[in-house]
Amino acid sequence: MPRSETILDVFLASPSDLKVERKLVENVLAHVNLMWRTSIGISFNLIKWETHVTPGIGKDAQDVINQQISENYDVFIGMMGRRFGSPTLRAPSGTVEEFTLAHTRFIEHGHPDILFYFKDQKISQSEINIEEERKIFEFRSSLSNVGILYGQFKNKESFRYQLTNHLSHIAKRYAHNNSTAINTAAAGYRPSARGTDPIALSKAVMASLKHTRDQSNEYIHDMIEFAGIIAEQTGAFTPTLQKMTLEVRSVINAPEPQRARLSREQDIRHNKIFIDHFNSTSDIIRSGLPKYREDFEKFVNCQTLIISLGVMSFDARPISENHRLLVNTLMDSMFSTNSKILDLASSIEDGRDFSPEMAVARRKMIDSHREFVETSNEYLELLQKIIKEVENASKE
């Protein structure tokens, strides 16, 4: 049967240092289009200079882009990382000029929707450009001054989640305005103008919602298991460390003729115990961390889909009590493991090395511990945002 579809043009603006994020925007749009094109009749068409601008002549390069990019796009996505961008004849940078054009249109006509994001990334002190940082800070402050609420992200998981969620709200609003399936189902069954049976759609959405929750739960279980293995490995070494401390004290209190020999024998034994533990711990973390990250990325994808399906399921609660408990258990597991790692770190980071091999093994474990803790802290921050967004979706 014939269908109608609303295509929303999305213009993407950013300096050149965000190539990975620009590709991620493309992937997010492809993902959401698979969900929304056939379900609520909304899709997004990405417009960017790489694909929509040909060589030409203008007052400057940005002028060529302005000439060829239509001003009639529906959504403006802007991003900044550590680079502010090159100045144009009309603005401090190309990205700022593109934002200004979009903002002017919004003031005059009430559209496009404006989504702006700043990447809050860690960089070494030697990479900091004070002048670029100043320009970015001033521009970010200017957005607040004109009433624009911007987003911030530290990693691709956070950016993917935020962007998918924000586009979900835009799609929902357009779907309501166009009297698509959401309006039809809210008023009761009648044939849809798009040829879609809203009752059948609702059942399909609920089935997909359950399947997605089940998938998400599997990823949560795997992450909890990995965090638990590290916690167990870390916690199991504490009694060993306490035992070795008592042994050291007993040698110190031994009679002088025996003390030197016992001390050498003890150092050899303790050296092996430390090296074995340091190496086994770092090997566990290094081998499991890629899957841990992959599971979390898939989990985030599931959560964004859960929220989107909640949008399409009309009166459905997108999160079950079991799922909610699992997410809380994951957060508790991450926090508990981090605490055990930090407690152990205070005992061993500044300890004496009995051999060069032990020094290398200690450094390797400290680095792997730090990598896990930093990764989990980022995930804990994003999990808090996810819980809030899912709760808000439940209330809508």
Protein backbone atom coordinates (compact mmCIF):
# COMPACT_ATOMS: atom_id res chain seq x y z
CA MET A 1 0.00 0.00 0.00
CA PRO A 2 1.21 3.57 -0.63
CA ARG A 3 3.10 5.31 2.16
CA SER A 4 4.06 8.90 2.74
CA GLU A 5 7.39 9.80 4.31
CA THR A 6 8.78 12.98 5.85
CA ILE A 7 12.45 13.49 5.04
CA LEU A 8 14.30 15.88 7.34
CA ASP A 9 17.51 17.40 6.00
CA VAL A 10 20.34 17.52 8.56
CA PHE A 11 23.30 19.85 8.03
CA LEU A 12 26.53 18.93 9.82
CA ALA A 13 29.09 21.60 10.78
CA SER A 14 32.42 21.15 12.56
CA PRO A 15 36.15 21.94 12.33
CA SER A 16 38.39 19.39 10.63
CA ASP A 17 39.63 17.64 13.81
CA LEU A 18 36.36 15.73 14.32
CA LYS A 19 36.54 13.30 11.40
CA VAL A 20 35.66 10.30 13.60
CA GLU A 21 32.64 12.09 15.05
CA ARG A 22 31.45 13.21 11.60
CA LYS A 23 31.50 9.57 10.49
CA LEU A 24 29.66 8.62 13.69
CA VAL A 25 26.88 11.12 12.87
CA GLU A 26 26.48 9.39 9.51
CA ASN A 27 26.24 5.99 11.23
CA VAL A 28 23.70 7.24 13.79
CA LEU A 29 21.46 8.66 11.05
CA ALA A 30 21.62 5.39 9.11
CA HIS A 31 20.69 3.51 12.30
CA VAL A 32 17.72 5.69 13.22
CA ASN A 33 16.46 5.72 9.65
CA LEU A 34 16.14 1.93 9.78
CA MET A 35 13.86 2.32 12.81
CA TRP A 36 11.76 5.30 11.89
CA ARG A 37 11.35 5.25 8.12
CA THR A 38 8.91 2.32 8.09
CA SER A 39 7.46 2.79 11.59
CA ILE A 40 6.55 6.46 11.96
CA GLY A 41 7.38 7.73 8.47
CA ILE A 42 10.33 9.92 9.48
CA SER A 43 13.86 9.77 8.05
CA PHE A 44 16.92 12.00 8.10
CA ASN A 45 19.05 13.02 5.12
CA LEU A 46 22.60 14.09 5.97
CA ILE A 47 24.03 17.16 4.25
CA LYS A 48 27.74 17.90 4.60
CA TRP A 49 30.30 19.71 2.54
CA GLU A 50 32.21 16.53 1.73
CA THR A 51 29.27 15.10 -0.24
CA HIS A 52 27.21 18.14 -1.25
CA VAL A 53 29.77 20.74 -2.35
CA THR A 54 31.72 20.83 -5.62
CA PRO A 55 34.71 23.06 -6.46
CA GLY A 56 33.67 26.63 -7.23
CA ILE A 57 34.50 30.32 -6.93
CA GLY A 58 33.47 32.67 -4.14
CA LYS A 59 34.78 35.34 -1.82
CA ASP A 60 36.43 32.54 0.16
CA ALA A 61 36.08 28.76 0.56
CA GLN A 62 33.27 29.11 3.09
CA ASP A 63 31.35 31.31 0.66
CA VAL A 64 31.47 28.49 -1.90
CA ILE A 65 30.00 26.13 0.70
CA ASN A 66 27.29 28.65 1.62
CA GLN A 67 26.30 29.07 -2.03
CA GLN A 68 25.83 25.34 -2.58
CA ILE A 69 24.25 24.28 0.73
CA SER A 70 20.53 25.04 0.79
CA GLU A 71 19.35 27.03 3.79
CA ASN A 72 16.17 24.95 3.96
CA TYR A 73 17.56 22.15 6.11
CA ASP A 74 15.51 21.06 9.12
CA VAL A 75 18.19 20.19 11.68
CA PHE A 76 21.57 21.79 12.30
CA ILE A 77 24.21 19.65 14.07
CA GLY A 78 27.33 21.53 15.17
CA MET A 79 30.39 20.11 16.92
CA MET A 80 33.67 21.38 18.34
CA GLY A 81 36.62 19.54 19.84
CA ARG A 82 40.05 21.07 20.37
CA ARG A 83 40.11 23.14 17.18
CA PHE A 84 38.08 26.31 16.68
CA GLY A 85 38.47 26.39 12.91
CA SER A 86 39.85 28.81 10.34
CA PRO A 87 38.43 32.35 10.10
CA THR A 88 36.31 33.45 7.15
CA LEU A 89 35.70 36.95 5.80
CA ARG A 90 32.48 37.10 7.81
CA ALA A 91 33.06 35.12 11.01
CA PRO A 92 35.78 33.88 13.39
CA SER A 93 35.55 30.38 11.83
CA GLY A 94 33.60 28.43 9.21
CA THR A 95 31.73 26.46 11.87
CA VAL A 96 30.74 29.68 13.67
CA GLU A 97 29.53 31.18 10.38
CA GLU A 98 27.42 28.10 9.63
CA PHE A 99 25.97 28.20 13.15
CA THR A 100 25.21 31.92 12.84
CA LEU A 101 23.28 31.34 9.59
CA ALA A 102 21.26 28.56 11.24
CA HIS A 103 20.60 30.61 14.39
CA THR A 104 19.49 33.63 12.35
CA ARG A 105 17.01 31.44 10.48
CA PHE A 106 15.74 30.06 13.79
CA ILE A 107 15.16 33.57 15.16
CA GLU A 108 13.36 34.66 11.96
CA HIS A 109 11.38 31.50 11.16
CA GLY A 110 11.44 29.21 14.23
CA HIS A 111 13.56 26.54 12.53
CA PRO A 112 15.86 24.64 12.03
CA ASP A 113 16.33 22.61 15.21
CA ILE A 114 19.84 23.35 16.51
CA LEU A 115 21.92 20.65 18.22
CA PHE A 116 25.43 21.69 19.25
CA TYR A 117 27.97 19.43 20.99
CA PHE A 118 31.41 19.99 22.52
CA LYS A 119 33.92 17.17 22.87
CA ASP A 120 35.46 17.17 26.35
CA GLN A 121 38.55 15.08 25.66
CA LYS A 122 41.71 14.51 27.66
CA ILE A 123 44.87 15.79 25.99
CA SER A 124 48.45 16.14 27.15
CA GLN A 125 49.68 19.52 28.34
CA SER A 126 52.01 19.79 25.34
CA GLU A 127 49.03 19.56 22.97
CA ILE A 128 47.08 22.41 24.56
CA ASN A 129 46.70 25.48 22.34
CA ILE A 130 45.82 28.36 24.65
CA GLU A 131 44.48 30.58 21.86
CA GLU A 132 42.25 27.83 20.45
CA GLU A 133 40.97 27.01 23.96
CA ARG A 134 40.14 30.68 24.55
CA LYS A 135 38.17 30.96 21.31
CA ILE A 136 36.23 27.76 22.03
CA PHE A 137 35.46 28.91 25.59
CA GLU A 138 34.19 32.28 24.38
CA PHE A 139 32.04 30.69 21.68
CA ARG A 140 30.60 28.16 24.13
CA SER A 141 29.75 31.03 26.49
CA SER A 142 28.09 32.94 23.65
CA LEU A 143 25.75 29.99 23.02
CA SER A 144 24.55 30.13 26.62
CA ASN A 145 24.06 33.88 26.33
CA VAL A 146 21.62 33.46 23.41
CA GLY A 147 19.66 30.70 25.16
CA ILE A 148 21.16 27.63 23.49
CA LEU A 149 21.63 24.52 25.62
CA TYR A 150 24.55 22.54 24.21
CA GLY A 151 25.65 18.95 24.80
CA GLN A 152 29.05 17.65 25.93
CA PHE A 153 30.60 14.22 25.41
CA LYS A 154 33.82 12.47 26.39
CA ASN A 155 33.70 9.42 24.13
CA LYS A 156 31.88 8.02 21.13
CA GLU A 157 29.44 6.01 23.26
CA SER A 158 28.27 9.16 25.02
CA PHE A 159 27.98 11.10 21.75
CA ARG A 160 26.11 8.29 20.00
CA TYR A 161 23.68 8.00 22.88
CA GLN A 162 22.99 11.73 23.13
CA LEU A 163 22.59 12.25 19.39
CA THR A 164 20.26 9.28 18.92
CA ASN A 165 18.15 10.37 21.88
CA HIS A 166 17.93 13.99 20.71
CA LEU A 167 17.02 12.99 17.15
CA SER A 168 14.40 10.67 18.66
CA HIS A 169 12.65 13.64 20.25
CA ILE A 170 12.76 15.58 16.97
CA ALA A 171 11.33 12.60 15.07
CA LYS A 172 8.57 12.23 17.66
CA ARG A 173 7.58 15.87 17.31
CA TYR A 174 7.43 15.69 13.52
CA ALA A 175 5.46 12.45 13.71
CA HIS A 176 2.86 14.15 15.92
CA ASN A 177 2.71 17.20 13.67
CA ASN A 178 2.20 15.02 10.60
CA SER A 179 -0.60 12.99 12.24
CA THR A 180 1.24 9.73 11.72
CA ALA A 181 0.94 6.47 13.62
CA ILE A 182 1.35 8.02 17.06
CA ASN A 183 -1.67 10.30 16.61
CA THR A 184 -3.70 7.53 15.00
CA ALA A 185 -3.13 5.05 17.81
CA ALA A 186 -3.84 7.66 20.48
CA ALA A 187 -7.28 8.34 18.97
CA GLY A 188 -8.20 4.69 18.42
CA TYR A 189 -8.02 2.47 15.35
CA ARG A 190 -8.81 3.86 11.93
CA PRO A 191 -7.00 3.30 8.62
CA SER A 192 -3.74 5.20 8.52
CA ALA A 193 -3.02 7.67 5.73
CA ARG A 194 0.33 5.91 5.36
CA GLY A 195 -1.32 2.51 4.97
CA THR A 196 -0.01 1.27 8.35
CA ASP A 197 -2.24 -0.53 10.85
CA PRO A 198 -1.40 1.20 14.18
CA ILE A 199 -2.54 -1.80 16.27
CA ALA A 200 -0.25 -4.15 14.34
CA LEU A 201 2.51 -1.54 14.59
CA SER A 202 2.11 -1.30 18.36
CA LYS A 203 2.37 -5.10 18.72
CA ALA A 204 5.48 -5.17 16.54
CA VAL A 205 7.06 -2.36 18.53
CA MET A 206 6.36 -4.12 21.84
CA ALA A 207 7.88 -7.36 20.52
CA SER A 208 10.97 -5.46 19.37
CA LEU A 209 11.12 -3.67 22.73
CA LYS A 210 11.19 -7.00 24.60
CA HIS A 211 13.85 -8.43 22.26
CA THR A 212 16.03 -5.34 22.70
CA ARG A 213 15.71 -5.45 26.48
CA ASP A 214 16.72 -9.13 26.44
CA GLN A 215 19.79 -8.30 24.32
CA SER A 216 20.69 -5.43 26.63
CA ASN A 217 20.42 -7.71 29.65
CA GLU A 218 22.90 -10.15 28.08
CA TYR A 219 25.47 -7.39 27.63
CA ILE A 220 24.91 -6.24 31.22
CA HIS A 221 25.45 -9.78 32.54
CA ASP A 222 28.73 -10.06 30.61
CA MET A 223 29.99 -6.72 31.95
CA ILE A 224 29.02 -7.60 35.52
CA GLU A 225 30.85 -10.93 35.15
CA PHE A 226 34.03 -9.24 33.89
CA ALA A 227 33.98 -6.60 36.65
CA GLY A 228 33.40 -9.40 39.16
CA ILE A 229 36.44 -11.35 37.92
CA ILE A 230 38.65 -8.29 38.37
CA ALA A 231 37.16 -7.59 41.81
CA GLU A 232 37.77 -11.19 42.87
CA GLN A 233 41.34 -11.14 41.54
CA THR A 234 42.03 -7.86 43.33
CA GLY A 235 40.33 -8.85 46.58
CA ALA A 236 42.02 -12.26 46.72
CA PHE A 237 45.45 -10.63 46.82
CA THR A 238 44.73 -8.59 49.95
CA PRO A 239 45.07 -11.57 52.38
CA THR A 240 48.27 -12.60 50.56
CA LEU A 241 49.64 -9.11 50.98
CA GLN A 242 48.76 -9.12 54.67
CA LYS A 243 50.46 -12.52 55.10
CA MET A 244 53.62 -11.26 53.40
CA THR A 245 53.64 -8.21 55.67
CA LEU A 246 53.59 -10.47 58.74
CA GLU A 247 56.42 -12.55 57.26
CA VAL A 248 58.52 -9.43 56.76
CA ARG A 249 57.99 -8.47 60.39
CA SER A 250 58.98 -11.96 61.59
CA VAL A 251 62.23 -11.77 59.62
CA ILE A 252 62.99 -8.36 61.06
CA ASN A 253 62.57 -9.82 64.54
CA ALA A 254 64.73 -12.87 63.76
CA PRO A 255 68.16 -13.25 65.37
CA GLU A 256 70.95 -11.43 63.53
CA PRO A 257 72.82 -14.52 62.18
CA GLN A 258 69.61 -15.79 60.48
CA ARG A 259 68.13 -12.45 59.43
CA ALA A 260 70.20 -11.89 56.27
CA ARG A 261 69.61 -15.42 54.94
CA LEU A 262 65.86 -15.35 55.73
CA SER A 263 65.57 -11.92 54.17
CA ARG A 264 67.17 -13.10 50.88
CA GLU A 265 64.97 -16.20 50.76
CA GLN A 266 61.91 -14.10 51.53
CA ASP A 267 62.72 -11.56 48.82
CA ILE A 268 63.00 -14.35 46.24
CA ARG A 269 59.68 -15.87 47.32
CA HIS A 270 57.86 -12.54 47.52
CA ASN A 271 59.32 -11.44 44.19
CA LYS A 272 57.73 -14.46 42.48
CA ILE A 273 54.38 -13.94 44.25
CA PHE A 274 54.24 -10.28 43.22
CA ILE A 275 55.28 -10.92 39.62
CA ASP A 276 52.72 -13.72 39.21
CA HIS A 277 49.92 -11.56 40.62
CA PHE A 278 50.87 -8.42 38.72
CA ASN A 279 51.13 -10.28 35.40
CA SER A 280 47.97 -12.35 35.85
CA THR A 281 45.93 -9.28 36.83
CA SER A 282 47.13 -7.15 33.93
CA ASP A 283 46.61 -10.07 31.51
CA ILE A 284 43.00 -10.51 32.71
CA ILE A 285 42.23 -6.82 32.28
CA ARG A 286 44.04 -6.36 28.97
CA SER A 287 42.44 -9.45 27.42
CA GLY A 288 38.92 -8.68 28.68
CA LEU A 289 38.76 -4.90 28.32
CA PRO A 290 38.10 -4.83 24.54
CA LYS A 291 35.00 -7.02 24.97
CA TYR A 292 33.97 -4.99 28.04
CA ARG A 293 34.03 -1.86 25.87
CA GLU A 294 32.29 -3.62 22.99
CA ASP A 295 29.56 -4.89 25.33
CA PHE A 296 29.04 -1.40 26.72
CA GLU A 297 28.82 0.09 23.23
CA LYS A 298 26.20 -2.51 22.28
CA PHE A 299 24.41 -1.86 25.57
CA VAL A 300 24.24 1.87 24.79
CA ASN A 301 22.88 1.09 21.33
CA CYS A 302 20.19 -1.05 22.95
CA GLN A 303 19.29 1.72 25.40
CA THR A 304 18.90 4.31 22.63
CA LEU A 305 16.72 1.84 20.75
CA ILE A 306 14.68 1.16 23.90
CA ILE A 307 13.97 4.88 24.26
CA SER A 308 13.13 5.19 20.56
CA LEU A 309 10.80 2.18 20.71
CA GLY A 310 9.25 3.68 23.82
CA VAL A 311 8.47 6.73 21.72
CA MET A 312 6.68 4.53 19.16
CA SER A 313 4.86 2.28 21.64
CA PHE A 314 2.52 5.07 22.76
CA ASP A 315 1.61 4.11 26.34
CA ALA A 316 4.30 1.44 26.92
CA ARG A 317 6.85 1.67 29.70
CA PRO A 318 10.15 1.12 27.87
CA ILE A 319 12.03 -0.29 30.86
CA SER A 320 11.05 -3.29 32.97
CA GLU A 321 11.78 -3.65 36.69
CA ASN A 322 14.17 -6.53 36.01
CA HIS A 323 16.08 -4.44 33.49
CA ARG A 324 16.24 -1.52 35.90
CA LEU A 325 17.65 -3.74 38.65
CA LEU A 326 20.28 -5.15 36.29
CA VAL A 327 21.46 -1.66 35.31
CA ASN A 328 21.74 -0.72 38.99
CA THR A 329 23.64 -3.97 39.67
CA LEU A 330 26.06 -3.11 36.85
CA MET A 331 26.69 0.32 38.36
CA ASP A 332 27.23 -1.19 41.81
CA SER A 333 29.63 -3.76 40.33
CA MET A 334 31.66 -1.09 38.53
CA PHE A 335 31.83 1.11 41.63
CA SER A 336 32.76 -1.80 43.92
CA THR A 337 35.52 -3.04 41.59
CA ASN A 338 36.96 0.45 41.23
CA SER A 339 37.01 0.83 45.02
CA LYS A 340 38.86 -2.47 45.49
CA ILE A 341 41.41 -1.52 42.85
CA LEU A 342 42.05 1.87 44.43
CA ASP A 343 42.35 0.32 47.91
CA LEU A 344 44.93 -2.18 46.68
CA ALA A 345 46.75 0.47 44.66
CA SER A 346 47.45 2.48 47.81
CA SER A 347 49.25 -0.57 49.23
CA ILE A 348 51.38 -1.63 46.27
CA GLU A 349 52.07 1.36 44.01
CA ASP A 350 54.93 2.69 46.13
CA GLY A 351 56.28 -0.66 47.30
CA ARG A 352 59.84 -1.92 46.92
CA ASP A 353 60.73 -3.85 43.77
CA PHE A 354 62.79 -6.99 44.37
CA SER A 355 63.91 -7.23 40.73
CA PRO A 356 63.67 -5.40 37.38
CA GLU A 357 61.09 -7.98 36.29
CA MET A 358 58.93 -7.09 39.26
CA ALA A 359 59.19 -3.38 38.44
CA VAL A 360 57.98 -4.04 34.89
CA ALA A 361 55.14 -6.28 36.08
CA ARG A 362 54.08 -3.71 38.70
CA ARG A 363 54.00 -0.92 36.11
CA LYS A 364 51.99 -3.07 33.71
CA MET A 365 49.38 -3.88 36.37
CA ILE A 366 49.13 -0.26 37.54
CA ASP A 367 48.54 0.87 33.94
CA SER A 368 45.88 -1.80 33.34
CA HIS A 369 44.18 -0.94 36.67
CA ARG A 370 44.12 2.73 35.72
CA GLU A 371 42.71 1.94 32.29
CA PHE A 372 39.87 -0.10 33.77
CA VAL A 373 39.05 2.51 36.43
CA GLU A 374 39.02 5.40 33.94
CA THR A 375 36.87 3.41 31.51
CA SER A 376 34.40 2.41 34.23
CA ASN A 377 34.18 5.96 35.59
CA GLU A 378 33.25 7.23 32.12
CA TYR A 379 30.64 4.49 31.83
CA LEU A 380 29.21 5.23 35.28
CA GLU A 381 28.71 8.86 34.28
CA LEU A 382 26.94 7.85 31.08
CA LEU A 383 24.83 5.22 32.88
CA GLN A 384 23.43 7.91 35.16
CA LYS A 385 22.36 9.91 32.11
CA ILE A 386 20.85 6.82 30.49
CA ILE A 387 18.78 5.99 33.58
CA LYS A 388 17.45 9.54 33.69
CA GLU A 389 16.54 9.53 29.99
CA VAL A 390 14.84 6.13 30.18
CA GLU A 391 12.85 7.25 33.23
CA ASN A 392 11.76 10.38 31.35
CA ALA A 393 10.70 8.22 28.39
CA SER A 394 8.62 6.11 30.76
CA LYS A 395 6.71 9.18 31.91
CA GLU A 396 5.94 10.56 28.45
